[in-house]
Amino acid sequence: MKEGGRKQGAMSPCAACKLLRRRCSKDCVFAPYFPADEPHKFGSVHKVFGASNVNKMLQELPEHQRSDAVSSMVYEANARVRDPVYGCAGAISSLQQQVDVLQTQLALAQAEVVHMRMHQFSASSNQHHQSVPHVASNSSSQNLYQTSRTLSSQTKSLFGMDMVVDQTNMDHSLWSC
């Protein structure tokens, strides 16, 4: 079993101490967050932030916030390794562009569905008008009113849909090394 990034019994150095080629002390600030079996995790963080800066950041934080800070540093470091200029901002911008494109596609698909329903409704309405004789001139305005109410109720549920994004085509996660 592992405890704090080290194996019990054997004093295996954490990934940070192994990369920095130093002895891993019992109270090593890196050990709980950079286990020996995940060397790339510390490698990318060290490459972007530097071991000294990471050490300072972790020591300045309360222990209950350090895990989240390490996760953020790993994410930012992996983003910076992939895109040295923009880092996380580049990933966010790319995702925002994808959201914009998908929202446009969704709006077009919804408009097409509404158009098809209106066409279908008008076709069925024309068939109904041919088989039913007109009672009075006022009935055409009533029919128009009922038609618009029917279309309105049909399209309300259409525009209330939630958008689901399939992320299988996206590159691998920035959380992994």
C-alpha atoms as a PDB file:
ATOM      1  CA  MET A   1       0.000   0.000   0.000  1.00  0.00           C
ATOM      2  CA  LYS A   2       1.116   3.546  -0.592  1.00  0.00           C
ATOM      3  CA  GLU A   3       1.092   6.205   2.045  1.00  0.00           C
ATOM      4  CA  GLY A   4       1.842   9.789   1.080  1.00  0.00           C
ATOM      5  CA  GLY A   5       3.282   8.833  -2.301  1.00  0.00           C
ATOM      6  CA  ARG A   6       5.721   6.273  -0.863  1.00  0.00           C
ATOM      7  CA  LYS A   7       5.538   2.516  -0.422  1.00  0.00           C
ATOM      8  CA  GLN A   8       5.358   1.259   3.125  1.00  0.00           C
ATOM      9  CA  GLY A   9       8.549  -0.243   4.420  1.00  0.00           C
ATOM     10  CA  ALA A  10      10.803   0.949   1.584  1.00  0.00           C
ATOM     11  CA  MET A  11      11.557   4.660   1.446  1.00  0.00           C
ATOM     12  CA  SER A  12      10.891   5.143  -2.253  1.00  0.00           C
ATOM     13  CA  PRO A  13      11.338   8.815  -3.189  1.00  0.00           C
ATOM     14  CA  CYS A  14       8.396  10.741  -4.596  1.00  0.00           C
ATOM     15  CA  ALA A  15       8.414  11.728  -8.253  1.00  0.00           C
ATOM     16  CA  ALA A  16       9.652  15.232  -7.412  1.00  0.00           C
ATOM     17  CA  CYS A  17      12.619  14.078  -5.351  1.00  0.00           C
ATOM     18  CA  LYS A  18      13.447  11.410  -7.910  1.00  0.00           C
ATOM     19  CA  LEU A  19      13.494  13.990 -10.732  1.00  0.00           C
ATOM     20  CA  LEU A  20      15.449  16.494  -8.635  1.00  0.00           C
ATOM     21  CA  ARG A  21      17.822  13.689  -7.560  1.00  0.00           C
ATOM     22  CA  ARG A  22      17.551  14.402  -3.890  1.00  0.00           C
ATOM     23  CA  ARG A  23      16.740  12.427  -0.788  1.00  0.00           C
ATOM     24  CA  CYS A  24      13.001  12.373  -0.060  1.00  0.00           C
ATOM     25  CA  SER A  25      12.514  13.329   3.578  1.00  0.00           C
ATOM     26  CA  LYS A  26       9.676  12.141   5.763  1.00  0.00           C
ATOM     27  CA  ASP A  27       8.044  15.596   5.672  1.00  0.00           C
ATOM     28  CA  CYS A  28       8.556  16.201   1.925  1.00  0.00           C
ATOM     29  CA  VAL A  29       5.983  18.739   0.712  1.00  0.00           C
ATOM     30  CA  PHE A  30       5.851  17.092  -2.744  1.00  0.00           C
ATOM     31  CA  ALA A  31       5.324  13.447  -1.671  1.00  0.00           C
ATOM     32  CA  PRO A  32       1.551  13.502  -1.037  1.00  0.00           C
ATOM     33  CA  TYR A  33       0.838  15.107  -4.432  1.00  0.00           C
ATOM     34  CA  PHE A  34       3.500  13.675  -6.757  1.00  0.00           C
ATOM     35  CA  PRO A  35       3.700   9.913  -6.160  1.00  0.00           C
ATOM     36  CA  ALA A  36       6.651   7.947  -7.508  1.00  0.00           C
ATOM     37  CA  ASP A  37       4.474   6.099 -10.048  1.00  0.00           C
ATOM     38  CA  GLU A  38       3.454   9.387 -11.772  1.00  0.00           C
ATOM     39  CA  PRO A  39       6.776  11.002 -12.765  1.00  0.00           C
ATOM     40  CA  HIS A  40       5.349  12.902 -15.767  1.00  0.00           C
ATOM     41  CA  LYS A  41       2.965  14.757 -13.481  1.00  0.00           C
ATOM     42  CA  PHE A  42       5.790  16.500 -11.624  1.00  0.00           C
ATOM     43  CA  GLY A  43       7.940  16.659 -14.756  1.00  0.00           C
ATOM     44  CA  SER A  44       5.553  18.966 -16.590  1.00  0.00           C
ATOM     45  CA  VAL A  45       4.880  21.080 -13.470  1.00  0.00           C
ATOM     46  CA  HIS A  46       8.627  21.443 -12.860  1.00  0.00           C
ATOM     47  CA  LYS A  47       9.237  22.340 -16.502  1.00  0.00           C
ATOM     48  CA  VAL A  48       6.656  25.162 -16.449  1.00  0.00           C
ATOM     49  CA  PHE A  49       6.773  26.491 -12.877  1.00  0.00           C
ATOM     50  CA  GLY A  50      10.066  25.286 -11.438  1.00  0.00           C
ATOM     51  CA  ALA A  51      10.468  23.145  -8.330  1.00  0.00           C
ATOM     52  CA  SER A  52      11.329  26.081  -6.085  1.00  0.00           C
ATOM     53  CA  ASN A  53       8.196  28.023  -7.055  1.00  0.00           C
ATOM     54  CA  VAL A  54       5.973  24.960  -6.636  1.00  0.00           C
ATOM     55  CA  ASN A  55       7.523  24.328  -3.220  1.00  0.00           C
ATOM     56  CA  LYS A  56       6.866  27.949  -2.167  1.00  0.00           C
ATOM     57  CA  MET A  57       3.276  27.869  -3.436  1.00  0.00           C
ATOM     58  CA  LEU A  58       2.501  24.623  -1.627  1.00  0.00           C
ATOM     59  CA  GLN A  59       4.056  25.772   1.651  1.00  0.00           C
ATOM     60  CA  GLU A  60       2.079  29.030   1.589  1.00  0.00           C
ATOM     61  CA  LEU A  61      -1.244  27.188   1.229  1.00  0.00           C
ATOM     62  CA  PRO A  62      -3.192  25.438   3.974  1.00  0.00           C
ATOM     63  CA  GLU A  63      -2.967  21.656   3.625  1.00  0.00           C
ATOM     64  CA  HIS A  64      -6.632  21.260   2.675  1.00  0.00           C
ATOM     65  CA  GLN A  65      -6.097  23.459  -0.426  1.00  0.00           C
ATOM     66  CA  ARG A  66      -2.852  21.912  -1.660  1.00  0.00           C
ATOM     67  CA  SER A  67      -4.426  19.043  -3.582  1.00  0.00           C
ATOM     68  CA  ASP A  68      -6.592  21.436  -5.607  1.00  0.00           C
ATOM     69  CA  ALA A  69      -3.585  23.689  -6.212  1.00  0.00           C
ATOM     70  CA  VAL A  70      -1.548  20.744  -7.505  1.00  0.00           C
ATOM     71  CA  SER A  71      -4.408  19.713  -9.810  1.00  0.00           C
ATOM     72  CA  SER A  72      -4.548  23.249 -11.184  1.00  0.00           C
ATOM     73  CA  MET A  73      -0.780  23.390 -11.652  1.00  0.00           C
ATOM     74  CA  VAL A  74      -0.797  20.034 -13.467  1.00  0.00           C
ATOM     75  CA  TYR A  75      -3.611  21.196 -15.741  1.00  0.00           C
ATOM     76  CA  GLU A  76      -1.915  24.526 -16.520  1.00  0.00           C
ATOM     77  CA  ALA A  77       1.480  22.866 -17.001  1.00  0.00           C
ATOM     78  CA  ASN A  78       0.063  20.308 -19.448  1.00  0.00           C
ATOM     79  CA  ALA A  79      -1.725  23.095 -21.320  1.00  0.00           C
ATOM     80  CA  ARG A  80       1.488  25.151 -21.447  1.00  0.00           C
ATOM     81  CA  VAL A  81       3.494  22.181 -22.726  1.00  0.00           C
ATOM     82  CA  ARG A  82       0.955  21.683 -25.543  1.00  0.00           C
ATOM     83  CA  ASP A  83       0.494  25.393 -26.276  1.00  0.00           C
ATOM     84  CA  PRO A  84       3.379  27.478 -24.881  1.00  0.00           C
ATOM     85  CA  VAL A  85       1.845  30.807 -25.917  1.00  0.00           C
ATOM     86  CA  TYR A  86      -1.784  30.549 -24.798  1.00  0.00           C
ATOM     87  CA  GLY A  87      -1.845  27.587 -22.388  1.00  0.00           C
ATOM     88  CA  CYS A  88      -5.265  27.150 -20.742  1.00  0.00           C
ATOM     89  CA  ALA A  89      -6.615  30.263 -22.436  1.00  0.00           C
ATOM     90  CA  GLY A  90      -6.027  28.622 -25.817  1.00  0.00           C
ATOM     91  CA  ALA A  91      -7.892  25.491 -24.739  1.00  0.00           C
ATOM     92  CA  ILE A  92     -10.778  27.564 -23.375  1.00  0.00           C
ATOM     93  CA  SER A  93     -10.921  29.660 -26.545  1.00  0.00           C
ATOM     94  CA  SER A  94     -10.974  26.546 -28.702  1.00  0.00           C
ATOM     95  CA  LEU A  95     -13.786  25.042 -26.645  1.00  0.00           C
ATOM     96  CA  GLN A  96     -15.753  28.301 -26.807  1.00  0.00           C
ATOM     97  CA  GLN A  97     -15.443  28.310 -30.604  1.00  0.00           C
ATOM     98  CA  GLN A  98     -16.737  24.724 -30.674  1.00  0.00           C
ATOM     99  CA  VAL A  99     -19.687  25.734 -28.468  1.00  0.00           C
ATOM    100  CA  ASP A 100     -20.473  28.649 -30.809  1.00  0.00           C
ATOM    101  CA  VAL A 101     -20.397  26.381 -33.874  1.00  0.00           C
ATOM    102  CA  LEU A 102     -22.576  23.773 -32.168  1.00  0.00           C
ATOM    103  CA  GLN A 103     -25.087  26.407 -31.028  1.00  0.00           C
ATOM    104  CA  THR A 104     -25.316  27.710 -34.599  1.00  0.00           C
ATOM    105  CA  GLN A 105     -25.839  24.182 -35.918  1.00  0.00           C
ATOM    106  CA  LEU A 106     -28.492  23.574 -33.262  1.00  0.00           C
ATOM    107  CA  ALA A 107     -30.334  26.793 -34.148  1.00  0.00           C
ATOM    108  CA  LEU A 108     -30.286  25.861 -37.842  1.00  0.00           C
ATOM    109  CA  ALA A 109     -31.588  22.377 -37.095  1.00  0.00           C
ATOM    110  CA  GLN A 110     -34.333  23.780 -34.872  1.00  0.00           C
ATOM    111  CA  ALA A 111     -35.347  26.278 -37.564  1.00  0.00           C
ATOM    112  CA  GLU A 112     -35.465  23.479 -40.126  1.00  0.00           C
ATOM    113  CA  VAL A 113     -37.666  21.377 -37.834  1.00  0.00           C
ATOM    114  CA  VAL A 114     -40.021  24.334 -37.312  1.00  0.00           C
ATOM    115  CA  HIS A 115     -40.129  24.929 -41.067  1.00  0.00           C
ATOM    116  CA  MET A 116     -40.891  21.255 -41.721  1.00  0.00           C
ATOM    117  CA  ARG A 117     -43.622  21.203 -39.055  1.00  0.00           C
ATOM    118  CA  MET A 118     -45.190  24.348 -40.474  1.00  0.00           C
ATOM    119  CA  HIS A 119     -45.096  22.840 -43.966  1.00  0.00           C
ATOM    120  CA  GLN A 120     -46.587  19.587 -42.663  1.00  0.00           C
ATOM    121  CA  PHE A 121     -49.241  21.459 -40.691  1.00  0.00           C
ATOM    122  CA  SER A 122     -50.179  23.659 -43.648  1.00  0.00           C
ATOM    123  CA  ALA A 123     -50.415  20.594 -45.900  1.00  0.00           C
ATOM    124  CA  SER A 124     -52.712  18.822 -43.430  1.00  0.00           C
ATOM    125  CA  SER A 125     -54.655  22.054 -42.903  1.00  0.00           C
ATOM    126  CA  ASN A 126     -55.185  22.413 -46.682  1.00  0.00           C
ATOM    127  CA  GLN A 127     -56.497  18.855 -46.858  1.00  0.00           C
ATOM    128  CA  HIS A 128     -58.830  19.607 -43.949  1.00  0.00           C
ATOM    129  CA  HIS A 129     -60.107  22.822 -45.604  1.00  0.00           C
ATOM    130  CA  GLN A 130     -60.853  20.983 -48.840  1.00  0.00           C
ATOM    131  CA  SER A 131     -63.039  18.431 -47.046  1.00  0.00           C
ATOM    132  CA  VAL A 132     -64.814  20.879 -44.663  1.00  0.00           C
ATOM    133  CA  PRO A 133     -66.986  23.653 -46.172  1.00  0.00           C
ATOM    134  CA  HIS A 134     -66.484  27.197 -44.862  1.00  0.00           C
ATOM    135  CA  VAL A 135     -69.204  28.315 -42.468  1.00  0.00           C
ATOM    136  CA  ALA A 136     -68.555  32.041 -42.400  1.00  0.00           C
ATOM    137  CA  SER A 137     -65.866  34.588 -43.172  1.00  0.00           C
ATOM    138  CA  ASN A 138     -65.106  34.877 -39.470  1.00  0.00           C
ATOM    139  CA  SER A 139     -64.108  31.180 -39.348  1.00  0.00           C
ATOM    140  CA  SER A 140     -60.947  31.785 -41.415  1.00  0.00           C
ATOM    141  CA  SER A 141     -59.626  34.217 -38.810  1.00  0.00           C
ATOM    142  CA  GLN A 142     -60.490  31.689 -36.105  1.00  0.00           C
ATOM    143  CA  ASN A 143     -58.639  28.976 -38.028  1.00  0.00           C
ATOM    144  CA  LEU A 144     -55.607  31.230 -38.363  1.00  0.00           C
ATOM    145  CA  TYR A 145     -55.705  31.955 -34.626  1.00  0.00           C
ATOM    146  CA  GLN A 146     -55.970  28.231 -33.775  1.00  0.00           C
ATOM    147  CA  THR A 147     -53.196  27.377 -36.238  1.00  0.00           C
ATOM    148  CA  SER A 148     -50.833  29.906 -34.671  1.00  0.00           C
ATOM    149  CA  ARG A 149     -51.674  28.636 -31.162  1.00  0.00           C
ATOM    150  CA  THR A 150     -51.038  25.039 -32.253  1.00  0.00           C
ATOM    151  CA  LEU A 151     -47.710  25.944 -33.856  1.00  0.00           C
ATOM    152  CA  SER A 152     -46.745  27.980 -30.815  1.00  0.00           C
ATOM    153  CA  SER A 153     -47.403  25.071 -28.462  1.00  0.00           C
ATOM    154  CA  GLN A 154     -45.496  22.690 -30.759  1.00  0.00           C
ATOM    155  CA  THR A 155     -42.427  24.928 -30.968  1.00  0.00           C
ATOM    156  CA  LYS A 156     -42.235  25.741 -27.245  1.00  0.00           C
ATOM    157  CA  SER A 157     -41.056  22.234 -26.441  1.00  0.00           C
ATOM    158  CA  LEU A 158     -38.689  22.320 -29.402  1.00  0.00           C
ATOM    159  CA  PHE A 159     -36.716  25.314 -28.144  1.00  0.00           C
ATOM    160  CA  GLY A 160     -36.584  24.058 -24.587  1.00  0.00           C
ATOM    161  CA  MET A 161     -34.127  21.290 -25.468  1.00  0.00           C
ATOM    162  CA  ASP A 162     -30.814  20.999 -23.669  1.00  0.00           C
ATOM    163  CA  MET A 163     -27.679  20.719 -25.773  1.00  0.00           C
ATOM    164  CA  VAL A 164     -25.527  17.641 -25.284  1.00  0.00           C
ATOM    165  CA  VAL A 165     -21.961  17.759 -26.577  1.00  0.00           C
ATOM    166  CA  ASP A 166     -20.179  14.563 -27.539  1.00  0.00           C
ATOM    167  CA  GLN A 167     -16.539  15.033 -26.610  1.00  0.00           C
ATOM    168  CA  THR A 168     -15.247  11.800 -28.152  1.00  0.00           C
ATOM    169  CA  ASN A 169     -13.725  13.674 -31.093  1.00  0.00           C
ATOM    170  CA  MET A 170     -11.763  16.053 -28.877  1.00  0.00           C
ATOM    171  CA  ASP A 171      -8.059  15.517 -28.132  1.00  0.00           C
ATOM    172  CA  HIS A 172      -7.056  13.686 -24.979  1.00  0.00           C
ATOM    173  CA  SER A 173      -7.578  15.386 -21.646  1.00  0.00           C
ATOM    174  CA  LEU A 174      -5.274  18.084 -20.357  1.00  0.00           C
ATOM    175  CA  TRP A 175      -5.437  16.380 -16.949  1.00  0.00           C
ATOM    176  CA  SER A 176      -3.410  13.436 -18.165  1.00  0.00           C
ATOM    177  CA  CYS A 177       0.263  13.516 -19.048  1.00  0.00           C
END
